[in-house]
Protein backbone atom coordinates (compact mmCIF):
# COMPACT_ATOMS: atom_id res chain seq x y z
CA UNK A 1 -87.51 46.01 22.56
CA UNK A 2 -84.69 43.85 21.15
CA UNK A 3 -82.10 46.42 22.25
CA UNK A 4 -83.54 46.54 25.78
CA UNK A 5 -83.49 42.73 26.03
CA UNK A 6 -79.93 42.59 24.73
CA UNK A 7 -78.71 45.08 27.30
CA UNK A 8 -80.62 43.30 30.07
CA UNK A 9 -79.01 39.99 29.10
CA UNK A 10 -75.55 41.54 29.14
CA UNK A 11 -76.16 43.02 32.59
CA UNK A 12 -77.58 39.71 33.85
CA UNK A 13 -74.55 37.85 32.51
CA UNK A 14 -72.20 40.25 34.28
CA UNK A 15 -74.12 40.06 37.55
CA UNK A 16 -74.43 36.30 37.34
CA UNK A 17 -70.73 35.88 36.75
CA UNK A 18 -69.90 37.32 40.15
CA UNK A 19 -70.97 34.15 41.94
CA UNK A 20 -68.50 32.07 39.93
CA UNK A 21 -65.43 34.07 40.84
CA UNK A 22 -65.11 34.99 44.48
CA UNK A 23 -62.05 37.17 43.83
CA UNK A 24 -63.84 39.16 41.13
CA UNK A 25 -65.63 42.41 41.81
CA UNK A 26 -68.49 44.14 40.03
CA UNK A 27 -68.66 47.89 40.57
CA UNK A 28 -71.69 49.81 39.30
CA UNK A 29 -71.58 53.59 39.05
CA UNK A 30 -73.48 56.15 37.05
CA UNK A 31 -75.47 59.34 36.94
CA UNK A 32 -79.01 60.56 36.47
CA UNK A 33 -79.82 64.09 35.32
CA UNK A 34 -83.16 65.82 35.00
CA UNK A 35 -82.97 69.48 33.96
CA UNK A 36 -85.23 72.29 32.76
CA UNK A 37 -83.98 75.20 30.66
CA UNK A 38 -85.29 78.51 29.43
CA UNK A 39 -83.28 80.24 26.74
CA UNK A 40 -83.68 83.10 24.35
CA UNK A 41 -82.00 84.17 21.10
CA UNK A 42 -79.57 81.24 21.11
CA UNK A 43 -78.72 82.10 17.48
CA UNK A 44 -78.23 85.77 18.48
CA UNK A 45 -81.33 86.73 16.52
CA UNK A 46 -84.73 87.88 17.81
CA UNK A 47 -86.43 85.68 15.22
CA UNK A 48 -87.49 82.88 17.57
CA UNK A 49 -89.66 80.95 15.12
CA UNK A 50 -87.36 77.91 15.20
CA UNK A 51 -86.15 78.18 18.80
CA UNK A 52 -87.37 75.94 21.61
CA UNK A 53 -87.46 78.46 24.44
CA UNK A 54 -88.37 75.99 27.18
CA UNK A 55 -87.64 72.30 27.51
CA UNK A 56 -87.09 69.59 30.12
CA UNK A 57 -84.67 66.71 29.57
CA UNK A 58 -83.59 63.58 31.42
CA UNK A 59 -80.69 61.18 30.95
CA UNK A 60 -79.36 58.09 32.72
CA UNK A 61 -75.88 56.57 32.43
CA UNK A 62 -74.81 53.31 34.07
CA UNK A 63 -71.23 52.04 34.13
CA UNK A 64 -70.43 48.38 34.89
CA UNK A 65 -66.79 47.65 35.78
CA UNK A 66 -66.12 43.94 36.22
CA UNK A 67 -62.65 43.39 37.71
CA UNK A 68 -61.08 39.96 37.93
CA UNK A 69 -58.16 41.57 39.78
CA UNK A 70 -56.40 44.92 40.08
CA UNK A 71 -54.79 44.13 36.73
CA UNK A 72 -57.78 43.05 34.63
CA UNK A 73 -61.15 44.72 34.07
CA UNK A 74 -63.94 44.98 31.52
CA UNK A 75 -66.03 48.16 31.33
CA UNK A 76 -69.51 48.65 29.89
CA UNK A 77 -71.21 52.07 29.81
CA UNK A 78 -74.88 52.33 28.84
CA UNK A 79 -76.94 55.48 28.33
CA UNK A 80 -80.68 56.04 28.11
CA UNK A 81 -81.59 59.47 26.76
CA UNK A 82 -81.31 62.30 26.43
CA UNK A 83 -85.13 62.23 26.71
CA UNK A 84 -86.94 65.45 25.95
CA UNK A 85 -90.14 65.49 27.95
CA UNK A 86 -93.19 65.18 25.73
CA UNK A 87 -91.14 64.47 22.59
CA UNK A 88 -91.98 61.32 20.65
CA UNK A 89 -88.63 60.94 18.88
CA UNK A 90 -86.71 60.76 22.18
CA UNK A 91 -89.21 58.60 24.07
CA UNK A 92 -90.85 61.36 26.10
CA UNK A 93 -94.33 61.34 24.53
CA UNK A 94 -97.24 60.52 26.85
CA UNK A 95 -98.28 56.87 27.03
CA UNK A 96 -95.51 55.63 24.73
CA UNK A 97 -92.39 53.56 25.14
CA UNK A 98 -89.22 53.87 23.11
CA UNK A 99 -85.98 51.94 22.91
CA UNK A 100 -84.53 54.09 20.15
CA UNK A 101 -82.70 56.26 22.66
CA UNK A 102 -80.60 53.53 24.29
CA UNK A 103 -76.88 53.69 23.55
CA UNK A 104 -73.83 51.60 24.26
CA UNK A 105 -71.40 54.46 24.82
CA UNK A 106 -68.33 52.49 25.89
CA UNK A 107 -67.28 48.86 25.99
CA UNK A 108 -63.60 48.10 26.48
CA UNK A 109 -61.03 45.82 28.04
CA UNK A 110 -58.42 47.23 30.44
CA UNK A 111 -55.43 45.28 31.72
CA UNK A 112 -51.79 45.49 32.76
CA UNK A 113 -49.20 43.30 31.13
CA UNK A 114 -48.06 40.70 33.73
CA UNK A 115 -45.37 41.91 36.14
CA UNK A 116 -45.22 45.39 34.55
CA UNK A 117 -46.94 48.77 34.82
CA UNK A 118 -47.85 48.73 31.13
CA UNK A 119 -51.57 49.53 30.95
CA UNK A 120 -53.59 48.58 27.86
CA UNK A 121 -57.12 49.50 26.80
CA UNK A 122 -58.97 48.14 23.77
CA UNK A 123 -62.52 48.72 22.54
CA UNK A 124 -64.80 51.73 22.49
CA UNK A 125 -63.49 54.10 25.13
CA UNK A 126 -63.13 57.75 26.09
CA UNK A 127 -60.13 59.09 24.21
CA UNK A 128 -58.65 62.58 24.47
CA UNK A 129 -55.30 63.92 23.40
CA UNK A 130 -53.39 65.59 26.29
CA UNK A 131 -55.15 68.72 27.57
CA UNK A 132 -56.35 70.52 30.67
CA UNK A 133 -59.63 72.06 29.41
CA UNK A 134 -60.65 69.22 27.12
CA UNK A 135 -58.87 68.60 23.84
CA UNK A 136 -59.29 71.19 21.08
CA UNK A 137 -58.28 68.48 18.57
CA UNK A 138 -59.64 65.06 19.58
CA UNK A 139 -61.73 64.31 22.65
CA UNK A 140 -64.56 61.81 22.20
CA UNK A 141 -65.76 58.25 22.69
CA UNK A 142 -64.21 56.19 19.91
CA UNK A 143 -62.87 52.72 19.12
CA UNK A 144 -59.18 52.57 19.97
CA UNK A 145 -56.24 50.64 21.39
CA UNK A 146 -54.16 52.63 23.89
CA UNK A 147 -50.96 51.69 25.72
CA UNK A 148 -49.41 53.73 28.54
CA UNK A 149 -46.49 53.06 30.83
CA UNK A 150 -44.05 54.82 33.16
CA UNK A 151 -40.50 54.81 31.80
CA UNK A 152 -38.77 56.50 34.75
CA UNK A 153 -40.01 58.37 37.80
CA UNK A 154 -40.28 61.48 35.63
CA UNK A 155 -41.22 60.15 32.21
CA UNK A 156 -44.26 58.28 30.94
CA UNK A 157 -45.28 57.27 27.44
CA UNK A 158 -48.71 56.80 25.91
CA UNK A 159 -49.39 55.61 22.39
CA UNK A 160 -52.34 54.28 20.51
CA UNK A 161 -54.37 53.65 17.40
CA UNK A 162 -57.96 54.80 16.87
CA UNK A 163 -60.32 54.01 14.03
CA UNK A 164 -62.64 57.00 14.03
CA UNK A 165 -64.61 56.01 10.92
CA UNK A 166 -65.08 52.84 8.91
CA UNK A 167 -68.12 53.33 6.68
CA UNK A 168 -68.37 49.57 6.12
CA UNK A 169 -68.46 49.77 2.35
CA UNK A 170 -67.24 46.67 0.54
CA UNK A 171 -63.82 47.28 -0.99
CA UNK A 172 -64.37 45.52 -4.32
CA UNK A 173 -63.17 46.21 -7.84
CA UNK A 174 -60.11 47.80 -9.32
CA UNK A 175 -60.75 51.12 -7.61
CA UNK A 176 -61.77 50.32 -4.00
CA UNK A 177 -63.54 52.90 -1.89
CA UNK A 178 -61.26 54.25 0.82
CA UNK A 179 -63.75 55.10 3.54
CA UNK A 180 -61.68 54.76 6.74
CA UNK A 181 -60.24 57.38 9.06
CA UNK A 182 -57.47 56.25 11.40
CA UNK A 183 -55.44 58.05 14.07
CA UNK A 184 -51.97 57.12 15.35
CA UNK A 185 -50.94 59.16 18.38
CA UNK A 186 -48.06 59.45 20.83
CA UNK A 187 -47.64 61.46 24.04
CA UNK A 188 -44.88 61.77 26.63
CA UNK A 189 -45.92 63.18 30.04
CA UNK A 190 -42.84 64.64 31.74
CA UNK A 191 -43.07 65.42 35.47
CA UNK A 192 -40.49 67.30 37.48
CA UNK A 193 -40.51 69.19 40.76
CA UNK A 194 -43.31 71.74 40.44
CA UNK A 195 -43.80 71.44 36.69
CA UNK A 196 -45.12 68.96 34.15
CA UNK A 197 -44.98 69.07 30.36
CA UNK A 198 -46.73 66.78 27.90
CA UNK A 199 -45.75 66.96 24.23
CA UNK A 200 -47.85 64.91 21.79
CA UNK A 201 -48.47 64.22 18.11
CA UNK A 202 -51.46 62.77 16.26
CA UNK A 203 -51.00 61.51 12.70
CA UNK A 204 -54.14 60.40 10.85
CA UNK A 205 -54.99 58.70 7.57
CA UNK A 206 -58.20 59.84 5.86
CA UNK A 207 -59.65 58.10 2.81
CA UNK A 208 -61.32 59.97 -0.01
CA UNK A 209 -64.40 57.72 0.11
CA UNK A 210 -65.66 59.19 3.38
CA UNK A 211 -68.27 61.50 1.86
CA UNK A 212 -69.24 59.07 -0.87
CA UNK A 213 -69.81 56.47 1.84
CA UNK A 214 -72.41 58.68 3.44
CA UNK A 215 -70.56 60.31 6.34
CA UNK A 216 -72.25 63.72 6.68
CA UNK A 217 -70.29 66.95 6.53
CA UNK A 218 -71.48 67.88 10.03
CA UNK A 219 -69.57 64.89 11.40
CA UNK A 220 -66.35 65.31 9.47
CA UNK A 221 -65.54 67.63 6.63
CA UNK A 222 -67.02 70.85 7.99
CA UNK A 223 -64.29 70.89 10.64
CA UNK A 224 -61.51 69.14 8.68
CA UNK A 225 -61.53 70.41 5.09
CA UNK A 226 -62.39 73.94 4.09
CA UNK A 227 -63.50 75.74 2.13
CA UNK A 228 -64.05 72.87 -0.33
CA UNK A 229 -64.84 70.43 2.46
CA UNK A 230 -67.36 72.75 4.03
CA UNK A 231 -69.33 72.48 0.79
CA UNK A 232 -69.14 68.68 0.90
CA UNK A 233 -66.59 68.20 -1.89
CA UNK A 234 -64.32 65.19 -1.69
CA UNK A 235 -60.59 65.62 -2.11
CA UNK A 236 -58.65 64.31 -5.12
CA UNK A 237 -56.01 62.01 -3.59
CA UNK A 238 -56.82 58.47 -2.45
CA UNK A 239 -55.66 59.42 1.04
CA UNK A 240 -54.72 62.58 2.86
CA UNK A 241 -52.85 62.77 6.13
CA UNK A 242 -54.12 65.31 8.68
CA UNK A 243 -51.76 65.70 11.60
CA UNK A 244 -51.52 67.64 14.82
CA UNK A 245 -48.91 68.42 17.47
CA UNK A 246 -49.16 70.06 20.85
CA UNK A 247 -47.74 70.79 24.27
CA UNK A 248 -49.55 70.95 27.63
CA UNK A 249 -48.09 72.81 30.64
CA UNK A 250 -48.96 72.50 34.34
CA UNK A 251 -46.75 74.54 36.69
CA UNK A 252 -47.12 74.47 40.49
CA UNK A 253 -43.66 75.65 41.55
CA UNK A 254 -45.15 79.00 42.63
CA UNK A 255 -47.96 77.42 44.65
CA UNK A 256 -50.54 78.75 45.59
CA UNK A 257 -50.26 80.31 42.11
CA UNK A 258 -50.95 77.63 39.48
CA UNK A 259 -50.18 78.13 35.79
CA UNK A 260 -51.71 75.93 33.11
CA UNK A 261 -51.49 76.28 29.36
CA UNK A 262 -51.42 74.48 26.05
CA UNK A 263 -50.47 74.94 22.43
CA UNK A 264 -52.09 73.00 19.58
CA UNK A 265 -51.25 73.10 15.87
CA UNK A 266 -52.62 71.10 12.97
CA UNK A 267 -52.88 70.90 9.21
CA UNK A 268 -54.42 68.95 6.35
CA UNK A 269 -53.80 69.22 2.61
CA UNK A 270 -54.23 67.24 -0.57
CA UNK A 271 -51.77 69.40 -2.48
CA UNK A 272 -54.34 71.96 -3.59
CA UNK A 273 -54.25 75.48 -2.17
CA UNK A 274 -58.03 75.76 -1.99
CA UNK A 275 -58.45 72.71 0.25
CA UNK A 276 -55.43 73.17 2.50
CA UNK A 277 -56.20 73.93 6.12
CA UNK A 278 -53.73 74.75 8.90
CA UNK A 279 -53.81 76.75 12.09
CA UNK A 280 -53.14 76.86 15.80
CA UNK A 281 -54.70 77.44 19.21
CA UNK A 282 -53.00 78.49 22.46
CA UNK A 283 -54.39 79.23 25.92
CA UNK A 284 -53.07 80.15 29.35
CA UNK A 285 -54.67 80.14 32.80
CA UNK A 286 -53.43 81.55 36.11
CA UNK A 287 -55.26 80.54 39.29
CA UNK A 288 -54.72 81.31 42.96
CA UNK A 289 -55.56 78.51 45.42
CA UNK A 290 -54.56 80.29 48.64
CA UNK A 291 -58.11 81.38 49.54
CA UNK A 292 -60.37 78.97 51.42
CA UNK A 293 -63.69 80.19 50.04
CA UNK A 294 -62.95 80.69 46.32
CA UNK A 295 -60.42 80.12 43.51
CA UNK A 296 -59.80 83.23 41.37
CA UNK A 297 -58.65 82.62 37.79
CA UNK A 298 -57.63 84.73 34.82
CA UNK A 299 -57.70 83.12 31.42
CA UNK A 300 -56.79 83.83 27.82
CA UNK A 301 -57.04 81.96 24.52
CA UNK A 302 -56.12 82.80 20.93
CA UNK A 303 -56.69 80.74 17.78
CA UNK A 304 -55.77 81.62 14.22
CA UNK A 305 -58.49 82.81 11.85
CA UNK A 306 -59.23 83.17 8.16
CA UNK A 307 -57.59 85.76 5.92
CA UNK A 308 -59.53 87.56 3.17
CA UNK A 309 -58.70 85.06 0.39
CA UNK A 310 -60.89 81.97 0.00
CA UNK A 311 -58.69 80.53 -2.76
CA UNK A 312 -55.68 79.87 -0.54
CA UNK A 313 -57.49 77.49 1.82
CA UNK A 314 -58.21 77.92 5.50
CA UNK A 315 -56.10 79.39 8.29
CA UNK A 316 -58.16 77.80 11.09
CA UNK A 317 -56.87 74.67 12.82
CA UNK A 318 -58.62 71.49 11.62
CA UNK A 319 -60.62 69.66 14.30
CA UNK A 320 -61.30 65.94 14.59
CA UNK A 321 -63.76 65.95 17.53
CA UNK A 322 -63.09 68.59 20.17
CA UNK A 323 -64.41 68.96 23.71
CA UNK A 324 -62.45 72.08 24.71
CA UNK A 325 -64.31 74.45 27.02
CA UNK A 326 -63.74 76.78 29.96
CA UNK A 327 -65.70 75.63 33.01
CA UNK A 328 -69.30 76.82 33.11
CA UNK A 329 -69.26 78.71 29.79
CA UNK A 330 -72.58 78.91 27.94
CA UNK A 331 -71.00 79.93 24.63
CA UNK A 332 -68.23 77.30 24.63
CA UNK A 333 -70.24 74.40 26.07
CA UNK A 334 -69.20 74.09 29.72
CA UNK A 335 -72.63 73.54 31.26
CA UNK A 336 -73.36 70.88 33.90
CA UNK A 337 -76.91 70.61 32.55
CA UNK A 338 -78.31 68.65 29.62
CA UNK A 339 -78.36 70.70 26.44
CA UNK A 340 -77.35 73.67 28.56
CA UNK A 341 -74.86 75.30 26.21
CA UNK A 342 -74.29 76.61 22.70
CA UNK A 343 -71.14 74.52 22.13
CA UNK A 344 -69.66 76.84 19.52
CA UNK A 345 -66.43 76.26 17.53
CA UNK A 346 -63.22 77.20 19.32
CA UNK A 347 -61.12 78.12 16.30
CA UNK A 348 -61.10 81.50 14.61
CA UNK A 349 -61.47 83.56 17.78
CA UNK A 350 -59.78 84.84 20.93
CA UNK A 351 -61.04 85.35 24.45
CA UNK A 352 -59.96 86.71 27.82
CA UNK A 353 -61.81 85.99 31.02
CA UNK A 354 -61.97 86.28 34.79
CA UNK A 355 -63.58 83.56 36.88
CA UNK A 356 -64.24 83.05 40.58
CA UNK A 357 -64.70 79.30 41.03
CA UNK A 358 -65.79 77.25 44.06
CA UNK A 359 -67.23 80.28 45.86
CA UNK A 360 -68.33 78.94 49.26
CA UNK A 361 -70.06 81.19 51.79
CA UNK A 362 -72.94 78.84 52.65
CA UNK A 363 -72.63 75.21 53.70
CA UNK A 364 -73.20 72.77 50.82
CA UNK A 365 -73.48 75.61 48.28
CA UNK A 366 -70.74 76.37 45.74
CA UNK A 367 -70.91 78.97 42.97
CA UNK A 368 -69.06 80.15 39.89
CA UNK A 369 -68.97 83.69 38.50
CA UNK A 370 -67.22 84.17 35.17
CA UNK A 371 -66.95 87.00 32.64
CA UNK A 372 -65.52 86.46 29.13
CA UNK A 373 -64.75 88.86 26.31
CA UNK A 374 -64.83 86.94 23.01
CA UNK A 375 -63.82 88.28 19.60
CA UNK A 376 -63.04 86.85 16.16
CA UNK A 377 -59.69 86.48 14.43
CA UNK A 378 -61.01 85.92 10.89
CA UNK A 379 -60.93 88.79 8.40
CA UNK A 380 -64.45 90.19 8.03
CA UNK A 381 -64.00 90.35 4.24
CA UNK A 382 -64.36 86.55 4.11
CA UNK A 383 -68.12 86.91 4.79
CA UNK A 384 -68.60 88.65 1.43
CA UNK A 385 -65.84 86.68 -0.31
CA UNK A 386 -67.44 83.32 0.51
CA UNK A 387 -71.10 83.65 1.60
CA UNK A 388 -72.13 80.81 3.91
CA UNK A 389 -68.55 79.85 4.75
CA UNK A 390 -68.84 81.38 8.22
CA UNK A 391 -72.12 81.25 10.14
CA UNK A 392 -73.65 84.17 12.01
CA UNK A 393 -74.04 83.26 15.68
CA UNK A 394 -71.38 80.55 15.62
CA UNK A 395 -68.22 82.07 14.14
CA UNK A 396 -66.94 85.62 14.64
CA UNK A 397 -64.86 87.96 12.50
CA UNK A 398 -62.40 90.63 13.59
CA UNK A 399 -65.30 93.12 13.52
CA UNK A 400 -67.36 91.13 16.06
CA UNK A 401 -67.29 90.66 19.81
CA UNK A 402 -69.36 89.08 22.60
CA UNK A 403 -69.40 89.63 26.36
CA UNK A 404 -70.51 86.57 28.32
CA UNK A 405 -71.51 86.49 32.00
CA UNK A 406 -72.11 83.17 33.78
CA UNK A 407 -73.36 82.82 37.36
CA UNK A 408 -73.78 79.13 38.22
CA UNK A 409 -74.62 77.38 41.49
CA UNK A 410 -74.55 73.86 42.91
CA UNK A 411 -76.28 72.92 46.18
CA UNK A 412 -75.61 69.44 47.61
CA UNK A 413 -78.96 68.17 48.87
CA UNK A 414 -77.30 64.88 49.73
CA UNK A 415 -73.71 63.75 49.31
CA UNK A 416 -74.52 62.43 45.83
CA UNK A 417 -77.49 64.60 44.82
CA UNK A 418 -77.00 68.20 43.64
CA UNK A 419 -79.45 70.93 42.69
CA UNK A 420 -78.01 72.99 39.81
CA UNK A 421 -78.89 76.57 38.82
CA UNK A 422 -77.18 78.21 35.83
CA UNK A 423 -77.67 81.81 34.72
CA UNK A 424 -75.98 83.10 31.57
CA UNK A 425 -76.18 86.25 29.47
CA UNK A 426 -74.23 87.09 26.29
CA UNK A 427 -74.10 90.67 24.99
CA UNK A 428 -74.26 90.61 21.19
CA UNK A 429 -71.51 92.64 19.52
CA UNK A 430 -71.79 91.20 16.01
CA UNK A 431 -71.17 93.85 13.37
CA UNK A 432 -74.40 94.63 11.51
CA UNK A 433 -72.66 95.80 8.34
CA UNK A 434 -70.48 92.69 8.09
CA UNK A 435 -73.38 90.26 8.46
CA UNK A 436 -76.21 92.42 7.09
CA UNK A 437 -78.29 91.52 10.15
CA UNK A 438 -81.04 93.83 11.41
CA UNK A 439 -82.64 91.59 14.05
CA UNK A 440 -79.62 90.75 16.19
CA UNK A 441 -80.24 90.21 19.91
CA UNK A 442 -78.47 89.19 23.09
CA UNK A 443 -78.60 85.52 24.12
CA UNK A 444 -79.55 84.26 27.58
CA UNK A 445 -80.16 81.08 29.52
CA UNK A 446 -81.78 80.01 32.81
CA UNK A 447 -81.21 76.35 33.65
CA UNK A 448 -82.29 74.36 36.68
CA UNK A 449 -82.16 70.69 37.53
CA UNK A 450 -80.96 67.77 39.62
CA UNK A 451 -77.83 65.69 39.10
CA UNK A 452 -77.50 62.38 40.96
CA UNK A 453 -74.15 60.56 40.87
CA UNK A 454 -73.88 57.09 42.33
């Protein structure tokens, strides 16, 4: 109840402030989703004892943007949910109320320095390193300070500082606990006639007190340090310095053919071979926009995978918090529905795909048809070399493959209200001998719901 009252007071304060500043403007936007989903064998196993085959979920997000002028705004984003119908923990149990599922997702200040085009943001905001499919390195809500500005007609700069983790442990004594994780990043969007390039770097500082301070492996070390980190072991140095670099391409000089691509590379080490991790990811997309009723696309991605030696560290790219996904993919997490995807790791595999997007034969109805072939790039010997290091159903080896088919639809009931239907099927090509699995099965999903944007 206290959290609800606090949020109500904040909203009332914002709304009440409008009457005191005639030039100010309060803009309220948001979304409401209510979706049902049937799914089977989401772990690619026919043992469904722990799988929730059917569920209904709802979520509301409200964004308040209070603008004193075109140059000064404050933004507040609140979320209620995701509520699972009938579930007590999420507030969906009959005849109960819950405020435990209310979140302040974003709260930040946005302004331009007087008489310039230098834009600054400070607070908890949506931060993503340059990308076109979502960042494979860092794309998440986090506390940060970001500055961006045009330098010339063709060159812009963006730079910033993000504190991803501060475990709030008192730094006392002769040997203080180093429990922070900071990012310093720089990007330079370059735009020319028919082509744009964006190089970027992200240098981070990671303290060795993160795990001791209670940050779980699932949040951090499982994707940053391996193999030692995957087992929850802290590193030896006081600090280590993960860093990443990348390049994003968008080429329209051959319009209606559009080429997009990116290359990402990253590494982390504390000087020990066993805990070093480095790798890369590259993708390329070709689309044709010269057809009125659909946009055909071909797509490919490759990311480095593990070799057969656990003692020399990891050959997969470290990840801070990725949101990379092809549109509509069930396996990679591209659903428009709540909890409508598997959201699997993007490193250690390769994929090729063909998609027909924005298929429009009926008024107000648009569809997507996509087919992906997905295979692993990690040596299958690593499964026996380090049991538990890779997970069946989430990572793949060079002996495994999947074939995914997605057929998704959106019907606009009103201008702001859409009915969504998503159909997905994944053919299971995991190698039985590699994983010693006898009950492997194909995965599937049927999702339906309503999305209201206002």
